[in-house]
Amino acid sequence: TIFQNGPLEGMDRSGTLWKLANHLYTDGLTCEEARELLYDADGRW
């Protein structure tokens, strides 16, 4: 949901990227997989 919808109204992008990074970590993605998704999300947002 975070990846698809981006930051909620009133929330900043960096905090949302940090939240996404934490979810990716706890979901067991590798650092390389997370890097790809974070850069993609950043470009979208």
PDB file of all heavy atoms in Angstrom:
ATOM      1  N   THR A   1       0.828  -1.198   0.000  1.00  0.00           N
ATOM      2  CA  THR A   1       0.000   0.000   0.000  1.00  0.00           C
ATOM      3  C   THR A   1       0.868   1.256   0.000  1.00  0.00           C
ATOM      4  O   THR A   1       0.597   2.187  -0.743  1.00  0.00           O
ATOM      5  CB  THR A   1      -0.942  -0.004   1.222  1.00  0.00           C
ATOM      6  OG1 THR A   1      -1.782  -1.149   1.134  1.00  0.00           O
ATOM      7  CG2 THR A   1      -1.801   1.243   1.254  1.00  0.00           C
ATOM      8  N   ILE A   2       1.882   1.280   0.844  1.00  0.00           N
ATOM      9  CA  ILE A   2       2.763   2.462   0.897  1.00  0.00           C
ATOM     10  C   ILE A   2       3.413   2.679  -0.461  1.00  0.00           C
ATOM     11  O   ILE A   2       3.438   3.798  -0.976  1.00  0.00           O
ATOM     12  CB  ILE A   2       3.858   2.299   1.976  1.00  0.00           C
ATOM     13  CG1 ILE A   2       3.247   2.270   3.365  1.00  0.00           C
ATOM     14  CG2 ILE A   2       4.878   3.437   1.881  1.00  0.00           C
ATOM     15  CD1 ILE A   2       4.237   1.910   4.459  1.00  0.00           C
ATOM     16  N   PHE A   3       3.943   1.597  -1.059  1.00  0.00           N
ATOM     17  CA  PHE A   3       4.626   1.719  -2.343  1.00  0.00           C
ATOM     18  C   PHE A   3       3.685   2.251  -3.416  1.00  0.00           C
ATOM     19  O   PHE A   3       4.050   3.142  -4.177  1.00  0.00           O
ATOM     20  CB  PHE A   3       5.204   0.366  -2.757  1.00  0.00           C
ATOM     21  CG  PHE A   3       5.962   0.417  -4.048  1.00  0.00           C
ATOM     22  CD1 PHE A   3       7.237   0.935  -4.083  1.00  0.00           C
ATOM     23  CD2 PHE A   3       5.394  -0.050  -5.216  1.00  0.00           C
ATOM     24  CE1 PHE A   3       7.942   0.987  -5.278  1.00  0.00           C
ATOM     25  CE2 PHE A   3       6.082  -0.012  -6.408  1.00  0.00           C
ATOM     26  CZ  PHE A   3       7.371   0.513  -6.443  1.00  0.00           C
ATOM     27  N   GLN A   4       2.480   1.726  -3.463  1.00  0.00           N
ATOM     28  CA  GLN A   4       1.520   2.120  -4.489  1.00  0.00           C
ATOM     29  C   GLN A   4       0.963   3.523  -4.279  1.00  0.00           C
ATOM     30  O   GLN A   4       0.794   4.275  -5.237  1.00  0.00           O
ATOM     31  CB  GLN A   4       0.353   1.125  -4.542  1.00  0.00           C
ATOM     32  CG  GLN A   4       0.744  -0.235  -5.034  1.00  0.00           C
ATOM     33  CD  GLN A   4       1.236  -0.223  -6.466  1.00  0.00           C
ATOM     34  OE1 GLN A   4       0.761   0.523  -7.309  1.00  0.00           O
ATOM     35  NE2 GLN A   4       2.211  -1.057  -6.742  1.00  0.00           N
ATOM     36  N   ASN A   5       0.671   3.883  -3.046  1.00  0.00           N
ATOM     37  CA  ASN A   5      -0.036   5.134  -2.770  1.00  0.00           C
ATOM     38  C   ASN A   5       0.855   6.287  -2.348  1.00  0.00           C
ATOM     39  O   ASN A   5       0.415   7.431  -2.344  1.00  0.00           O
ATOM     40  CB  ASN A   5      -1.100   4.903  -1.701  1.00  0.00           C
ATOM     41  CG  ASN A   5      -2.144   3.910  -2.153  1.00  0.00           C
ATOM     42  OD1 ASN A   5      -2.448   3.796  -3.334  1.00  0.00           O
ATOM     43  ND2 ASN A   5      -2.678   3.155  -1.223  1.00  0.00           N
ATOM     44  N   GLY A   6       2.059   5.995  -1.926  1.00  0.00           N
ATOM     45  CA  GLY A   6       2.960   7.053  -1.505  1.00  0.00           C
ATOM     46  C   GLY A   6       2.581   7.631  -0.156  1.00  0.00           C
ATOM     47  O   GLY A   6       1.757   7.073   0.564  1.00  0.00           O
ATOM     48  N   PRO A   7       3.184   8.759   0.178  1.00  0.00           N
ATOM     49  CA  PRO A   7       2.920   9.379   1.479  1.00  0.00           C
ATOM     50  C   PRO A   7       1.453   9.765   1.638  1.00  0.00           C
ATOM     51  O   PRO A   7       0.816  10.225   0.694  1.00  0.00           O
ATOM     52  CB  PRO A   7       3.796  10.621   1.468  1.00  0.00           C
ATOM     53  CG  PRO A   7       4.835  10.363   0.431  1.00  0.00           C
ATOM     54  CD  PRO A   7       4.180   9.488  -0.592  1.00  0.00           C
ATOM     55  N   LEU A   8       0.951   9.574   2.833  1.00  0.00           N
ATOM     56  CA  LEU A   8      -0.396  10.030   3.132  1.00  0.00           C
ATOM     57  C   LEU A   8      -0.419  11.547   3.162  1.00  0.00           C
ATOM     58  O   LEU A   8       0.609  12.193   3.398  1.00  0.00           O
ATOM     59  CB  LEU A   8      -0.852   9.487   4.491  1.00  0.00           C
ATOM     60  CG  LEU A   8      -0.971   7.970   4.607  1.00  0.00           C
ATOM     61  CD1 LEU A   8      -1.275   7.583   6.046  1.00  0.00           C
ATOM     62  CD2 LEU A   8      -2.036   7.449   3.665  1.00  0.00           C
ATOM     63  N   GLU A   9      -1.568  12.110   2.946  1.00  0.00           N
ATOM     64  CA  GLU A   9      -1.702  13.557   2.983  1.00  0.00           C
ATOM     65  C   GLU A   9      -1.193  14.087   4.325  1.00  0.00           C
ATOM     66  O   GLU A   9      -1.530  13.562   5.392  1.00  0.00           O
ATOM     67  CB  GLU A   9      -3.166  13.958   2.788  1.00  0.00           C
ATOM     68  CG  GLU A   9      -3.340  15.445   2.613  1.00  0.00           C
ATOM     69  CD  GLU A   9      -4.751  15.820   2.227  1.00  0.00           C
ATOM     70  OE1 GLU A   9      -5.417  15.022   1.545  1.00  0.00           O
ATOM     71  OE2 GLU A   9      -5.171  16.917   2.619  1.00  0.00           O
ATOM     72  N   GLY A  10      -0.354  15.081   4.263  1.00  0.00           N
ATOM     73  CA  GLY A  10       0.206  15.678   5.465  1.00  0.00           C
ATOM     74  C   GLY A  10       1.472  15.008   5.966  1.00  0.00           C
ATOM     75  O   GLY A  10       2.082  15.475   6.918  1.00  0.00           O
ATOM     76  N   MET A  11       1.883  13.894   5.344  1.00  0.00           N
ATOM     77  CA  MET A  11       3.100  13.184   5.749  1.00  0.00           C
ATOM     78  C   MET A  11       4.223  13.515   4.772  1.00  0.00           C
ATOM     79  O   MET A  11       3.973  13.738   3.590  1.00  0.00           O
ATOM     80  CB  MET A  11       2.867  11.674   5.761  1.00  0.00           C
ATOM     81  CG  MET A  11       1.760  11.229   6.704  1.00  0.00           C
ATOM     82  SD  MET A  11       2.079  11.608   8.426  1.00  0.00           S
ATOM     83  CE  MET A  11       3.419  10.487   8.746  1.00  0.00           C
ATOM     84  N   ASP A  12       5.444  13.531   5.264  1.00  0.00           N
ATOM     85  CA  ASP A  12       6.556  13.843   4.369  1.00  0.00           C
ATOM     86  C   ASP A  12       7.094  12.585   3.689  1.00  0.00           C
ATOM     87  O   ASP A  12       6.882  11.466   4.145  1.00  0.00           O
ATOM     88  CB  ASP A  12       7.665  14.592   5.102  1.00  0.00           C
ATOM     89  CG  ASP A  12       8.405  13.734   6.114  1.00  0.00           C
ATOM     90  OD1 ASP A  12       7.898  12.663   6.494  1.00  0.00           O
ATOM     91  OD2 ASP A  12       9.497  14.149   6.518  1.00  0.00           O
ATOM     92  N   ARG A  13       7.767  12.804   2.584  1.00  0.00           N
ATOM     93  CA  ARG A  13       8.278  11.709   1.776  1.00  0.00           C
ATOM     94  C   ARG A  13       9.388  10.939   2.492  1.00  0.00           C
ATOM     95  O   ARG A  13       9.418   9.718   2.456  1.00  0.00           O
ATOM     96  CB  ARG A  13       8.761  12.243   0.435  1.00  0.00           C
ATOM     97  CG  ARG A  13       9.162  11.175  -0.531  1.00  0.00           C
ATOM     98  CD  ARG A  13       9.425  11.718  -1.929  1.00  0.00           C
ATOM     99  NE  ARG A  13      10.461  12.707  -1.950  1.00  0.00           N
ATOM    100  CZ  ARG A  13      10.279  13.983  -2.314  1.00  0.00           C
ATOM    101  NH1 ARG A  13       9.102  14.402  -2.694  1.00  0.00           N
ATOM    102  NH2 ARG A  13      11.272  14.827  -2.308  1.00  0.00           N
ATOM    103  N   SER A  14      10.296  11.626   3.151  1.00  0.00           N
ATOM    104  CA  SER A  14      11.410  10.920   3.786  1.00  0.00           C
ATOM    105  C   SER A  14      10.915   9.987   4.898  1.00  0.00           C
ATOM    106  O   SER A  14      11.405   8.869   5.031  1.00  0.00           O
ATOM    107  CB  SER A  14      12.452  11.899   4.322  1.00  0.00           C
ATOM    108  OG  SER A  14      11.897  12.733   5.315  1.00  0.00           O
ATOM    109  N   GLY A  15       9.963  10.425   5.675  1.00  0.00           N
ATOM    110  CA  GLY A  15       9.404   9.568   6.720  1.00  0.00           C
ATOM    111  C   GLY A  15       8.692   8.363   6.136  1.00  0.00           C
ATOM    112  O   GLY A  15       8.750   7.260   6.687  1.00  0.00           O
ATOM    113  N   THR A  16       8.030   8.558   5.022  1.00  0.00           N
ATOM    114  CA  THR A  16       7.325   7.460   4.371  1.00  0.00           C
ATOM    115  C   THR A  16       8.316   6.475   3.759  1.00  0.00           C
ATOM    116  O   THR A  16       8.120   5.261   3.831  1.00  0.00           O
ATOM    117  CB  THR A  16       6.350   7.997   3.313  1.00  0.00           C
ATOM    118  OG1 THR A  16       5.442   8.907   3.949  1.00  0.00           O
ATOM    119  CG2 THR A  16       5.551   6.881   2.665  1.00  0.00           C
ATOM    120  N   LEU A  17       9.408   6.991   3.184  1.00  0.00           N
ATOM    121  CA  LEU A  17      10.448   6.109   2.659  1.00  0.00           C
ATOM    122  C   LEU A  17      11.063   5.290   3.791  1.00  0.00           C
ATOM    123  O   LEU A  17      11.350   4.105   3.626  1.00  0.00           O
ATOM    124  CB  LEU A  17      11.525   6.911   1.928  1.00  0.00           C
ATOM    125  CG  LEU A  17      11.121   7.434   0.551  1.00  0.00           C
ATOM    126  CD1 LEU A  17      12.119   8.479   0.078  1.00  0.00           C
ATOM    127  CD2 LEU A  17      11.011   6.305  -0.458  1.00  0.00           C
ATOM    128  N   TRP A  18      11.273   5.914   4.938  1.00  0.00           N
ATOM    129  CA  TRP A  18      11.821   5.197   6.088  1.00  0.00           C
ATOM    130  C   TRP A  18      10.851   4.097   6.541  1.00  0.00           C
ATOM    131  O   TRP A  18      11.258   2.976   6.833  1.00  0.00           O
ATOM    132  CB  TRP A  18      12.124   6.170   7.222  1.00  0.00           C
ATOM    133  CG  TRP A  18      12.572   5.503   8.469  1.00  0.00           C
ATOM    134  CD1 TRP A  18      11.916   5.471   9.654  1.00  0.00           C
ATOM    135  CD2 TRP A  18      13.768   4.736   8.669  1.00  0.00           C
ATOM    136  NE1 TRP A  18      12.629   4.731  10.573  1.00  0.00           N
ATOM    137  CE2 TRP A  18      13.772   4.265   9.998  1.00  0.00           C
ATOM    138  CE3 TRP A  18      14.834   4.397   7.837  1.00  0.00           C
ATOM    139  CZ2 TRP A  18      14.791   3.487  10.520  1.00  0.00           C
ATOM    140  CZ3 TRP A  18      15.849   3.606   8.363  1.00  0.00           C
ATOM    141  CH2 TRP A  18      15.830   3.168   9.686  1.00  0.00           C
ATOM    142  N   LYS A  19       9.579   4.405   6.579  1.00  0.00           N
ATOM    143  CA  LYS A  19       8.571   3.413   6.966  1.00  0.00           C
ATOM    144  C   LYS A  19       8.570   2.253   5.970  1.00  0.00           C
ATOM    145  O   LYS A  19       8.519   1.084   6.365  1.00  0.00           O
ATOM    146  CB  LYS A  19       7.195   4.076   7.030  1.00  0.00           C
ATOM    147  CG  LYS A  19       6.112   3.205   7.589  1.00  0.00           C
ATOM    148  CD  LYS A  19       4.832   3.997   7.776  1.00  0.00           C
ATOM    149  CE  LYS A  19       3.775   3.163   8.452  1.00  0.00           C
ATOM    150  NZ  LYS A  19       2.561   3.919   8.712  1.00  0.00           N
ATOM    151  N   LEU A  20       8.641   2.563   4.682  1.00  0.00           N
ATOM    152  CA  LEU A  20       8.693   1.532   3.652  1.00  0.00           C
ATOM    153  C   LEU A  20       9.947   0.682   3.821  1.00  0.00           C
ATOM    154  O   LEU A  20       9.879  -0.555   3.758  1.00  0.00           O
ATOM    155  CB  LEU A  20       8.652   2.162   2.259  1.00  0.00           C
ATOM    156  CG  LEU A  20       8.777   1.201   1.077  1.00  0.00           C
ATOM    157  CD1 LEU A  20       7.675   0.155   1.086  1.00  0.00           C
ATOM    158  CD2 LEU A  20       8.783   1.994  -0.236  1.00  0.00           C
ATOM    159  N   ALA A  21      11.085   1.314   4.062  1.00  0.00           N
ATOM    160  CA  ALA A  21      12.337   0.575   4.257  1.00  0.00           C
ATOM    161  C   ALA A  21      12.203  -0.404   5.423  1.00  0.00           C
ATOM    162  O   ALA A  21      12.657  -1.555   5.331  1.00  0.00           O
ATOM    163  CB  ALA A  21      13.491   1.546   4.486  1.00  0.00           C
ATOM    164  N   ASN A  22      11.601   0.021   6.497  1.00  0.00           N
ATOM    165  CA  ASN A  22      11.408  -0.857   7.654  1.00  0.00           C
ATOM    166  C   ASN A  22      10.523  -2.053   7.309  1.00  0.00           C
ATOM    167  O   ASN A  22      10.799  -3.177   7.727  1.00  0.00           O
ATOM    168  CB  ASN A  22      10.801  -0.075   8.819  1.00  0.00           C
ATOM    169  CG  ASN A  22      11.846   0.634   9.620  1.00  0.00           C
ATOM    170  OD1 ASN A  22      12.454   0.046  10.495  1.00  0.00           O
ATOM    171  ND2 ASN A  22      12.080   1.900   9.312  1.00  0.00           N
ATOM    172  N   HIS A  23       9.474  -1.817   6.549  1.00  0.00           N
ATOM    173  CA  HIS A  23       8.600  -2.920   6.131  1.00  0.00           C
ATOM    174  C   HIS A  23       9.369  -3.903   5.244  1.00  0.00           C
ATOM    175  O   HIS A  23       9.223  -5.121   5.390  1.00  0.00           O
ATOM    176  CB  HIS A  23       7.370  -2.401   5.387  1.00  0.00           C
ATOM    177  CG  HIS A  23       6.305  -1.847   6.267  1.00  0.00           C
ATOM    178  ND1 HIS A  23       5.587  -2.614   7.157  1.00  0.00           N
ATOM    179  CD2 HIS A  23       5.839  -0.584   6.393  1.00  0.00           C
ATOM    180  CE1 HIS A  23       4.716  -1.848   7.797  1.00  0.00           C
ATOM    181  NE2 HIS A  23       4.865  -0.615   7.356  1.00  0.00           N
ATOM    182  N   LEU A  24      10.170  -3.381   4.330  1.00  0.00           N
ATOM    183  CA  LEU A  24      10.941  -4.248   3.446  1.00  0.00           C
ATOM    184  C   LEU A  24      11.926  -5.099   4.244  1.00  0.00           C
ATOM    185  O   LEU A  24      12.113  -6.282   3.959  1.00  0.00           O
ATOM    186  CB  LEU A  24      11.677  -3.404   2.395  1.00  0.00           C
ATOM    187  CG  LEU A  24      10.774  -2.598   1.452  1.00  0.00           C
ATOM    188  CD1 LEU A  24      11.616  -1.682   0.577  1.00  0.00           C
ATOM    189  CD2 LEU A  24       9.889  -3.507   0.610  1.00  0.00           C
ATOM    190  N   TYR A  25      12.532  -4.488   5.251  1.00  0.00           N
ATOM    191  CA  TYR A  25      13.474  -5.209   6.105  1.00  0.00           C
ATOM    192  C   TYR A  25      12.771  -6.318   6.888  1.00  0.00           C
ATOM    193  O   TYR A  25      13.216  -7.461   6.893  1.00  0.00           O
ATOM    194  CB  TYR A  25      14.166  -4.233   7.056  1.00  0.00           C
ATOM    195  CG  TYR A  25      15.125  -4.902   7.993  1.00  0.00           C
ATOM    196  CD1 TYR A  25      16.389  -5.283   7.554  1.00  0.00           C
ATOM    197  CD2 TYR A  25      14.771  -5.171   9.304  1.00  0.00           C
ATOM    198  CE1 TYR A  25      17.278  -5.919   8.407  1.00  0.00           C
ATOM    199  CE2 TYR A  25      15.647  -5.806  10.168  1.00  0.00           C
ATOM    200  CZ  TYR A  25      16.903  -6.173   9.715  1.00  0.00           C
ATOM    201  OH  TYR A  25      17.770  -6.806  10.559  1.00  0.00           O
ATOM    202  N   THR A  26      11.676  -5.977   7.535  1.00  0.00           N
ATOM    203  CA  THR A  26      10.978  -6.977   8.347  1.00  0.00           C
ATOM    204  C   THR A  26      10.330  -8.064   7.489  1.00  0.00           C
ATOM    205  O   THR A  26      10.109  -9.178   7.967  1.00  0.00           O
ATOM    206  CB  THR A  26       9.923  -6.351   9.282  1.00  0.00           C
ATOM    207  OG1 THR A  26       8.977  -5.624   8.519  1.00  0.00           O
ATOM    208  CG2 THR A  26      10.574  -5.439  10.295  1.00  0.00           C
ATOM    209  N   ASP A  27      10.051  -7.737   6.220  1.00  0.00           N
ATOM    210  CA  ASP A  27       9.489  -8.747   5.318  1.00  0.00           C
ATOM    211  C   ASP A  27      10.566  -9.670   4.748  1.00  0.00           C
ATOM    212  O   ASP A  27      10.254 -10.594   3.998  1.00  0.00           O
ATOM    213  CB  ASP A  27       8.734  -8.079   4.171  1.00  0.00           C
ATOM    214  CG  ASP A  27       7.393  -7.511   4.605  1.00  0.00           C
ATOM    215  OD1 ASP A  27       6.937  -7.819   5.731  1.00  0.00           O
ATOM    216  OD2 ASP A  27       6.799  -6.743   3.817  1.00  0.00           O
ATOM    217  N   GLY A  28      11.840  -9.401   5.075  1.00  0.00           N
ATOM    218  CA  GLY A  28      12.912 -10.307   4.683  1.00  0.00           C
ATOM    219  C   GLY A  28      13.534 -10.058   3.324  1.00  0.00           C
ATOM    220  O   GLY A  28      14.248 -10.923   2.818  1.00  0.00           O
ATOM    221  N   LEU A  29      13.298  -8.896   2.730  1.00  0.00           N
ATOM    222  CA  LEU A  29      13.936  -8.604   1.453  1.00  0.00           C
ATOM    223  C   LEU A  29      15.425  -8.380   1.665  1.00  0.00           C
ATOM    224  O   LEU A  29      15.855  -7.967   2.747  1.00  0.00           O
ATOM    225  CB  LEU A  29      13.322  -7.361   0.805  1.00  0.00           C
ATOM    226  CG  LEU A  29      12.052  -7.619  -0.010  1.00  0.00           C
ATOM    227  CD1 LEU A  29      10.885  -7.898   0.910  1.00  0.00           C
ATOM    228  CD2 LEU A  29      11.773  -6.456  -0.914  1.00  0.00           C
ATOM    229  N   THR A  30      16.206  -8.638   0.623  1.00  0.00           N
ATOM    230  CA  THR A  30      17.630  -8.341   0.703  1.00  0.00           C
ATOM    231  C   THR A  30      17.815  -6.832   0.577  1.00  0.00           C
ATOM    232  O   THR A  30      16.911  -6.113   0.117  1.00  0.00           O
ATOM    233  CB  THR A  30      18.412  -9.021  -0.428  1.00  0.00           C
ATOM    234  OG1 THR A  30      18.020  -8.441  -1.683  1.00  0.00           O
ATOM    235  CG2 THR A  30      18.196 -10.527  -0.446  1.00  0.00           C
ATOM    236  N   CYS A  31      18.986  -6.379   0.946  1.00  0.00           N
ATOM    237  CA  CYS A  31      19.286  -4.955   0.822  1.00  0.00           C
ATOM    238  C   CYS A  31      19.177  -4.509  -0.640  1.00  0.00           C
ATOM    239  O   CYS A  31      18.673  -3.431  -0.925  1.00  0.00           O
ATOM    240  CB  CYS A  31      20.680  -4.674   1.376  1.00  0.00           C
ATOM    241  SG  CYS A  31      21.110  -2.920   1.444  1.00  0.00           S
ATOM    242  N   GLU A  32      19.625  -5.341  -1.552  1.00  0.00           N
ATOM    243  CA  GLU A  32      19.572  -5.002  -2.977  1.00  0.00           C
ATOM    244  C   GLU A  32      18.130  -4.891  -3.476  1.00  0.00           C
ATOM    245  O   GLU A  32      17.804  -3.982  -4.249  1.00  0.00           O
ATOM    246  CB  GLU A  32      20.343  -6.039  -3.799  1.00  0.00           C
ATOM    247  CG  GLU A  32      21.838  -6.021  -3.570  1.00  0.00           C
ATOM    248  CD  GLU A  32      22.267  -6.648  -2.232  1.00  0.00           C
ATOM    249  OE1 GLU A  32      21.526  -7.511  -1.676  1.00  0.00           O
ATOM    250  OE2 GLU A  32      23.325  -6.255  -1.721  1.00  0.00           O
ATOM    251  N   GLU A  33      17.281  -5.799  -3.032  1.00  0.00           N
ATOM    252  CA  GLU A  33      15.864  -5.738  -3.417  1.00  0.00           C
ATOM    253  C   GLU A  33      15.221  -4.473  -2.853  1.00  0.00           C
ATOM    254  O   GLU A  33      14.465  -3.784  -3.547  1.00  0.00           O
ATOM    255  CB  GLU A  33      15.117  -6.968  -2.908  1.00  0.00           C
ATOM    256  CG  GLU A  33      15.527  -8.251  -3.591  1.00  0.00           C
ATOM    257  CD  GLU A  33      15.017  -9.495  -2.882  1.00  0.00           C
ATOM    258  OE1 GLU A  33      14.870  -9.488  -1.647  1.00  0.00           O
ATOM    259  OE2 GLU A  33      14.770 -10.500  -3.588  1.00  0.00           O
ATOM    260  N   ALA A  34      15.521  -4.177  -1.607  1.00  0.00           N
ATOM    261  CA  ALA A  34      14.958  -2.988  -0.972  1.00  0.00           C
ATOM    262  C   ALA A  34      15.457  -1.724  -1.658  1.00  0.00           C
ATOM    263  O   ALA A  34      14.696  -0.780  -1.858  1.00  0.00           O
ATOM    264  CB  ALA A  34      15.319  -2.965   0.504  1.00  0.00           C
ATOM    265  N   ARG A  35      16.735  -1.692  -2.018  1.00  0.00           N
ATOM    266  CA  ARG A  35      17.310  -0.527  -2.695  1.00  0.00           C
ATOM    267  C   ARG A  35      16.533  -0.226  -3.974  1.00  0.00           C
ATOM    268  O   ARG A  35      16.157   0.911  -4.232  1.00  0.00           O
ATOM    269  CB  ARG A  35      18.780  -0.780  -3.013  1.00  0.00           C
ATOM    270  CG  ARG A  35      19.443   0.371  -3.753  1.00  0.00           C
ATOM    271  CD  ARG A  35      20.916   0.106  -4.015  1.00  0.00           C
ATOM    272  NE  ARG A  35      21.666   0.237  -2.759  1.00  0.00           N
ATOM    273  CZ  ARG A  35      22.260  -0.769  -2.132  1.00  0.00           C
ATOM    274  NH1 ARG A  35      22.237  -1.998  -2.638  1.00  0.00           N
ATOM    275  NH2 ARG A  35      22.900  -0.561  -0.995  1.00  0.00           N
ATOM    276  N   GLU A  36      16.287  -1.255  -4.754  1.00  0.00           N
ATOM    277  CA  GLU A  36      15.559  -1.078  -6.014  1.00  0.00           C
ATOM    278  C   GLU A  36      14.167  -0.498  -5.773  1.00  0.00           C
ATOM    279  O   GLU A  36      13.735   0.436  -6.451  1.00  0.00           O
ATOM    280  CB  GLU A  36      15.460  -2.423  -6.738  1.00  0.00           C
ATOM    281  CG  GLU A  36      14.835  -2.321  -8.103  1.00  0.00           C
ATOM    282  CD  GLU A  36      14.844  -3.647  -8.831  1.00  0.00           C
ATOM    283  OE1 GLU A  36      15.807  -4.419  -8.677  1.00  0.00           O
ATOM    284  OE2 GLU A  36      13.868  -3.899  -9.557  1.00  0.00           O
ATOM    285  N   LEU A  37      13.473  -1.037  -4.786  1.00  0.00           N
ATOM    286  CA  LEU A  37      12.121  -0.558  -4.491  1.00  0.00           C
ATOM    287  C   LEU A  37      12.117   0.859  -3.919  1.00  0.00           C
ATOM    288  O   LEU A  37      11.258   1.668  -4.268  1.00  0.00           O
ATOM    289  CB  LEU A  37      11.418  -1.519  -3.537  1.00  0.00           C
ATOM    290  CG  LEU A  37      11.054  -2.873  -4.148  1.00  0.00           C
ATOM    291  CD1 LEU A  37      10.601  -3.840  -3.075  1.00  0.00           C
ATOM    292  CD2 LEU A  37       9.986  -2.697  -5.218  1.00  0.00           C
ATOM    293  N   LEU A  38      13.072   1.173  -3.050  1.00  0.00           N
ATOM    294  CA  LEU A  38      13.123   2.523  -2.474  1.00  0.00           C
ATOM    295  C   LEU A  38      13.423   3.575  -3.535  1.00  0.00           C
ATOM    296  O   LEU A  38      12.813   4.642  -3.556  1.00  0.00           O
ATOM    297  CB  LEU A  38      14.166   2.606  -1.357  1.00  0.00           C
ATOM    298  CG  LEU A  38      13.788   1.964  -0.042  1.00  0.00           C
ATOM    299  CD1 LEU A  38      14.949   2.070   0.938  1.00  0.00           C
ATOM    300  CD2 LEU A  38      12.540   2.597   0.552  1.00  0.00           C
ATOM    301  N   TYR A  39      14.362   3.279  -4.418  1.00  0.00           N
ATOM    302  CA  TYR A  39      14.675   4.231  -5.482  1.00  0.00           C
ATOM    303  C   TYR A  39      13.484   4.400  -6.423  1.00  0.00           C
ATOM    304  O   TYR A  39      13.199   5.511  -6.877  1.00  0.00           O
ATOM    305  CB  TYR A  39      15.923   3.800  -6.251  1.00  0.00           C
ATOM    306  CG  TYR A  39      17.211   4.233  -5.596  1.00  0.00           C
ATOM    307  CD1 TYR A  39      17.761   3.530  -4.536  1.00  0.00           C
ATOM    308  CD2 TYR A  39      17.886   5.361  -6.046  1.00  0.00           C
ATOM    309  CE1 TYR A  39      18.939   3.920  -3.932  1.00  0.00           C
ATOM    310  CE2 TYR A  39      19.076   5.771  -5.459  1.00  0.00           C
ATOM    311  CZ  TYR A  39      19.594   5.039  -4.402  1.00  0.00           C
ATOM    312  OH  TYR A  39      20.772   5.440  -3.816  1.00  0.00           O
ATOM    313  N   ASP A  40      12.792   3.304  -6.702  1.00  0.00           N
ATOM    314  CA  ASP A  40      11.601   3.374  -7.544  1.00  0.00           C
ATOM    315  C   ASP A  40      10.522   4.215  -6.866  1.00  0.00           C
ATOM    316  O   ASP A  40       9.922   5.106  -7.482  1.00  0.00           O
ATOM    317  CB  ASP A  40      11.085   1.971  -7.842  1.00  0.00           C
ATOM    318  CG  ASP A  40       9.959   1.942  -8.860  1.00  0.00           C
ATOM    319  OD1 ASP A  40       9.684   2.979  -9.503  1.00  0.00           O
ATOM    320  OD2 ASP A  40       9.340   0.879  -9.020  1.00  0.00           O
ATOM    321  N   ALA A  41      10.275   3.950  -5.594  1.00  0.00           N
ATOM    322  CA  ALA A  41       9.266   4.719  -4.851  1.00  0.00           C
ATOM    323  C   ALA A  41       9.640   6.195  -4.819  1.00  0.00           C
ATOM    324  O   ALA A  41       8.792   7.064  -5.019  1.00  0.00           O
ATOM    325  CB  ALA A  41       9.127   4.176  -3.432  1.00  0.00           C
ATOM    326  N   ASP A  42      10.898   6.487  -4.581  1.00  0.00           N
ATOM    327  CA  ASP A  42      11.352   7.870  -4.540  1.00  0.00           C
ATOM    328  C   ASP A  42      11.088   8.577  -5.869  1.00  0.00           C
ATOM    329  O   ASP A  42      10.616   9.708  -5.896  1.00  0.00           O
ATOM    330  CB  ASP A  42      12.838   7.920  -4.201  1.00  0.00           C
ATOM    331  CG  ASP A  42      13.345   9.322  -4.071  1.00  0.00           C
ATOM    332  OD1 ASP A  42      12.683  10.135  -3.410  1.00  0.00           O
ATOM    333  OD2 ASP A  42      14.412   9.612  -4.631  1.00  0.00           O
ATOM    334  N   GLY A  43      11.346   7.891  -6.963  1.00  0.00           N
ATOM    335  CA  GLY A  43      11.087   8.466  -8.279  1.00  0.00           C
ATOM    336  C   GLY A  43       9.605   8.714  -8.519  1.00  0.00           C
ATOM    337  O   GLY A  43       9.209   9.727  -9.095  1.00  0.00           O
ATOM    338  N   ARG A  44       8.768   7.810  -8.035  1.00  0.00           N
ATOM    339  CA  ARG A  44       7.315   7.956  -8.187  1.00  0.00           C
ATOM    340  C   ARG A  44       6.773   9.130  -7.377  1.00  0.00           C
ATOM    341  O   ARG A  44       5.797   9.744  -7.738  1.00  0.00           O
ATOM    342  CB  ARG A  44       6.603   6.701  -7.674  1.00  0.00           C
ATOM    343  CG  ARG A  44       6.786   5.486  -8.485  1.00  0.00           C
ATOM    344  CD  ARG A  44       6.287   4.296  -7.660  1.00  0.00           C
ATOM    345  NE  ARG A  44       6.200   3.121  -8.453  1.00  0.00           N
ATOM    346  CZ  ARG A  44       5.053   2.524  -8.766  1.00  0.00           C
ATOM    347  NH1 ARG A  44       3.928   2.978  -8.314  1.00  0.00           N
ATOM    348  NH2 ARG A  44       5.059   1.463  -9.515  1.00  0.00           N
ATOM    349  N   TRP A  45       7.383   9.370  -6.205  1.00  0.00           N
ATOM    350  CA  TRP A  45       6.829  10.319  -5.245  1.00  0.00           C
ATOM    351  C   TRP A  45       7.418  11.711  -5.330  1.00  0.00           C
ATOM    352  O   TRP A  45       7.167  12.541  -4.467  1.00  0.00           O
ATOM    353  CB  TRP A  45       7.018   9.821  -3.828  1.00  0.00           C
ATOM    354  CG  TRP A  45       6.435   8.482  -3.545  1.00  0.00           C
ATOM    355  CD1 TRP A  45       5.519   7.802  -4.291  1.00  0.00           C
ATOM    356  CD2 TRP A  45       6.725   7.656  -2.429  1.00  0.00           C
ATOM    357  NE1 TRP A  45       5.229   6.603  -3.702  1.00  0.00           N
ATOM    358  CE2 TRP A  45       5.960   6.489  -2.551  1.00  0.00           C
ATOM    359  CE3 TRP A  45       7.565   7.801  -1.334  1.00  0.00           C
ATOM    360  CZ2 TRP A  45       6.003   5.469  -1.623  1.00  0.00           C
ATOM    361  CZ3 TRP A  45       7.606   6.774  -0.405  1.00  0.00           C
ATOM    362  CH2 TRP A  45       6.831   5.628  -0.560  1.00  0.00           C
TER     363      TRP A  45
END
